[in-house]
Amino acid sequence: MNTNGHGCVLNRGRNVAKELKSAGVNKVSVSLNASDEETYNEVCKPKFAGAYAAALQFIRNSKEEMETEVTAVTTPEIDVKKTSETAKKIGVKFRLRKCVPCFW
């Protein structure tokens, strides 16, 4: 499953990762796209405060339930190396995705 990792903040009080696992999800890919909150807010433009911390917590929760990876897109705003290091610190795989610009 691909996600932005906001499941915990959108469903407060629920163990979203555990529910996904029991529903049959066995792998989650979280598009983090930042190594810090400021960059995350600039790049991802979340609708609520604390979205970066919520995404990190979702990643931590998910790795306890299923295979979990963090991804980032190749854009100038994103420090790929630092985002990769963030994933490593949490203990999950990192995958880089190529940015495909709009063509229309």
C-alpha atoms as a PDB file:
ATOM      1  CA  MET A   1       0.000   0.000   0.000  1.00  0.00           C
ATOM      2  CA  ASN A   2       1.266   3.488  -0.837  1.00  0.00           C
ATOM      3  CA  THR A   3       0.486   6.238   1.657  1.00  0.00           C
ATOM      4  CA  ASN A   4       1.549   9.611   3.004  1.00  0.00           C
ATOM      5  CA  GLY A   5       1.491   8.136   6.512  1.00  0.00           C
ATOM      6  CA  HIS A   6      -1.266  10.357   7.877  1.00  0.00           C
ATOM      7  CA  GLY A   7      -3.503   7.448   8.881  1.00  0.00           C
ATOM      8  CA  CYS A   8      -2.789   7.864  12.592  1.00  0.00           C
ATOM      9  CA  VAL A   9      -3.743  11.530  12.641  1.00  0.00           C
ATOM     10  CA  LEU A  10      -6.843  11.007  10.521  1.00  0.00           C
ATOM     11  CA  ASN A  11      -7.982   8.080  12.683  1.00  0.00           C
ATOM     12  CA  ARG A  12      -6.954   9.171  16.175  1.00  0.00           C
ATOM     13  CA  GLY A  13      -7.029   6.504  18.830  1.00  0.00           C
ATOM     14  CA  ARG A  14      -6.831   3.632  16.350  1.00  0.00           C
ATOM     15  CA  ASN A  15      -3.853   1.413  15.628  1.00  0.00           C
ATOM     16  CA  VAL A  16      -3.997   1.910  11.881  1.00  0.00           C
ATOM     17  CA  ALA A  17      -0.956  -0.247  11.138  1.00  0.00           C
ATOM     18  CA  LYS A  18      -2.407  -3.189  13.069  1.00  0.00           C
ATOM     19  CA  GLU A  19      -5.775  -2.752  11.341  1.00  0.00           C
ATOM     20  CA  LEU A  20      -4.105  -2.684   7.924  1.00  0.00           C
ATOM     21  CA  LYS A  21      -2.198  -5.864   8.768  1.00  0.00           C
ATOM     22  CA  SER A  22      -5.363  -7.640   9.875  1.00  0.00           C
ATOM     23  CA  ALA A  23      -7.066  -6.507   6.647  1.00  0.00           C
ATOM     24  CA  GLY A  24      -4.375  -8.300   4.646  1.00  0.00           C
ATOM     25  CA  VAL A  25      -1.879  -5.525   3.889  1.00  0.00           C
ATOM     26  CA  ASN A  26       1.638  -6.950   4.122  1.00  0.00           C
ATOM     27  CA  LYS A  27       3.734  -4.017   2.888  1.00  0.00           C
ATOM     28  CA  VAL A  28       3.454  -0.266   3.225  1.00  0.00           C
ATOM     29  CA  SER A  29       5.382   2.390   1.321  1.00  0.00           C
ATOM     30  CA  VAL A  30       5.352   5.829   2.938  1.00  0.00           C
ATOM     31  CA  SER A  31       6.116   8.845   0.761  1.00  0.00           C
ATOM     32  CA  LEU A  32       8.043  10.973   3.259  1.00  0.00           C
ATOM     33  CA  ASN A  33       9.865  13.349   0.884  1.00  0.00           C
ATOM     34  CA  ALA A  34      11.754  15.191   3.643  1.00  0.00           C
ATOM     35  CA  SER A  35      14.209  14.755   6.461  1.00  0.00           C
ATOM     36  CA  ASP A  36      12.783  17.533   8.627  1.00  0.00           C
ATOM     37  CA  GLU A  37       9.441  19.153   9.421  1.00  0.00           C
ATOM     38  CA  GLU A  38      10.144  22.472   7.698  1.00  0.00           C
ATOM     39  CA  THR A  39      10.977  20.837   4.366  1.00  0.00           C
ATOM     40  CA  TYR A  40       8.082  18.420   4.752  1.00  0.00           C
ATOM     41  CA  ASN A  41       5.620  21.282   5.244  1.00  0.00           C
ATOM     42  CA  GLU A  42       7.067  23.151   2.248  1.00  0.00           C
ATOM     43  CA  VAL A  43       7.072  20.170  -0.114  1.00  0.00           C
ATOM     44  CA  CYS A  44       4.013  18.202   1.007  1.00  0.00           C
ATOM     45  CA  LYS A  45       1.788  21.069   2.191  1.00  0.00           C
ATOM     46  CA  PRO A  46      -0.117  19.056   4.821  1.00  0.00           C
ATOM     47  CA  LYS A  47      -3.513  20.307   5.988  1.00  0.00           C
ATOM     48  CA  PHE A  48      -2.777  19.889   9.708  1.00  0.00           C
ATOM     49  CA  ALA A  49      -0.035  20.683  12.198  1.00  0.00           C
ATOM     50  CA  GLY A  50       2.262  17.860  13.237  1.00  0.00           C
ATOM     51  CA  ALA A  51       1.895  15.943   9.981  1.00  0.00           C
ATOM     52  CA  TYR A  52       5.614  15.161   9.733  1.00  0.00           C
ATOM     53  CA  ALA A  53       5.739  13.726  13.257  1.00  0.00           C
ATOM     54  CA  ALA A  54       2.555  11.757  12.512  1.00  0.00           C
ATOM     55  CA  ALA A  55       4.112  10.274   9.367  1.00  0.00           C
ATOM     56  CA  LEU A  56       7.219   9.252  11.306  1.00  0.00           C
ATOM     57  CA  GLN A  57       5.073   7.624  13.993  1.00  0.00           C
ATOM     58  CA  PHE A  58       3.072   5.781  11.339  1.00  0.00           C
ATOM     59  CA  ILE A  59       6.333   4.455   9.882  1.00  0.00           C
ATOM     60  CA  ARG A  60       7.468   3.259  13.330  1.00  0.00           C
ATOM     61  CA  ASN A  61       4.110   1.587  13.995  1.00  0.00           C
ATOM     62  CA  SER A  62       3.991  -0.019  10.562  1.00  0.00           C
ATOM     63  CA  LYS A  63       7.456  -1.554  10.773  1.00  0.00           C
ATOM     64  CA  GLU A  64       6.261  -3.496  13.810  1.00  0.00           C
ATOM     65  CA  GLU A  65       3.396  -5.008  11.808  1.00  0.00           C
ATOM     66  CA  MET A  66       4.640  -5.433   8.236  1.00  0.00           C
ATOM     67  CA  GLU A  67       7.355  -4.696   5.708  1.00  0.00           C
ATOM     68  CA  THR A  68       7.728  -0.913   5.581  1.00  0.00           C
ATOM     69  CA  GLU A  69       9.698   1.433   3.374  1.00  0.00           C
ATOM     70  CA  VAL A  70      10.177   5.184   3.078  1.00  0.00           C
ATOM     71  CA  THR A  71      10.301   6.829  -0.319  1.00  0.00           C
ATOM     72  CA  ALA A  72      11.265  10.225  -1.665  1.00  0.00           C
ATOM     73  CA  VAL A  73      11.000  11.832  -5.073  1.00  0.00           C
ATOM     74  CA  THR A  74      13.991  13.296  -6.902  1.00  0.00           C
ATOM     75  CA  THR A  75      13.285  17.018  -6.709  1.00  0.00           C
ATOM     76  CA  PRO A  76      15.672  19.869  -5.840  1.00  0.00           C
ATOM     77  CA  GLU A  77      13.852  20.629  -2.559  1.00  0.00           C
ATOM     78  CA  ILE A  78      14.448  17.176  -1.124  1.00  0.00           C
ATOM     79  CA  ASP A  79      17.751  16.181   0.443  1.00  0.00           C
ATOM     80  CA  VAL A  80      17.715  12.544  -0.606  1.00  0.00           C
ATOM     81  CA  LYS A  81      20.718  11.608   1.508  1.00  0.00           C
ATOM     82  CA  LYS A  82      19.208  13.027   4.717  1.00  0.00           C
ATOM     83  CA  THR A  83      15.808  11.465   3.991  1.00  0.00           C
ATOM     84  CA  SER A  84      17.545   8.136   3.412  1.00  0.00           C
ATOM     85  CA  GLU A  85      19.334   8.547   6.746  1.00  0.00           C
ATOM     86  CA  THR A  86      16.002   9.257   8.464  1.00  0.00           C
ATOM     87  CA  ALA A  87      14.651   5.965   7.136  1.00  0.00           C
ATOM     88  CA  LYS A  88      17.780   4.146   8.284  1.00  0.00           C
ATOM     89  CA  LYS A  89      17.506   5.624  11.803  1.00  0.00           C
ATOM     90  CA  ILE A  90      13.923   4.341  12.022  1.00  0.00           C
ATOM     91  CA  GLY A  91      15.059   0.964  10.738  1.00  0.00           C
ATOM     92  CA  VAL A  92      13.237   0.739   7.422  1.00  0.00           C
ATOM     93  CA  LYS A  93      14.270   0.517   3.776  1.00  0.00           C
ATOM     94  CA  PHE A  94      14.568   3.602   1.604  1.00  0.00           C
ATOM     95  CA  ARG A  95      13.592   3.816  -2.057  1.00  0.00           C
ATOM     96  CA  LEU A  96      14.144   6.769  -4.359  1.00  0.00           C
ATOM     97  CA  ARG A  97      11.426   7.543  -6.893  1.00  0.00           C
ATOM     98  CA  LYS A  98      12.080   9.480 -10.080  1.00  0.00           C
ATOM     99  CA  CYS A  99      10.128  12.721 -10.419  1.00  0.00           C
ATOM    100  CA  VAL A 100       8.069  12.680 -13.581  1.00  0.00           C
ATOM    101  CA  PRO A 101       7.139  16.293 -14.433  1.00  0.00           C
ATOM    102  CA  CYS A 102       3.690  17.117 -15.721  1.00  0.00           C
ATOM    103  CA  PHE A 103       3.586  17.102 -19.459  1.00  0.00           C
ATOM    104  CA  TRP A 104       0.365  19.019 -20.041  1.00  0.00           C
END
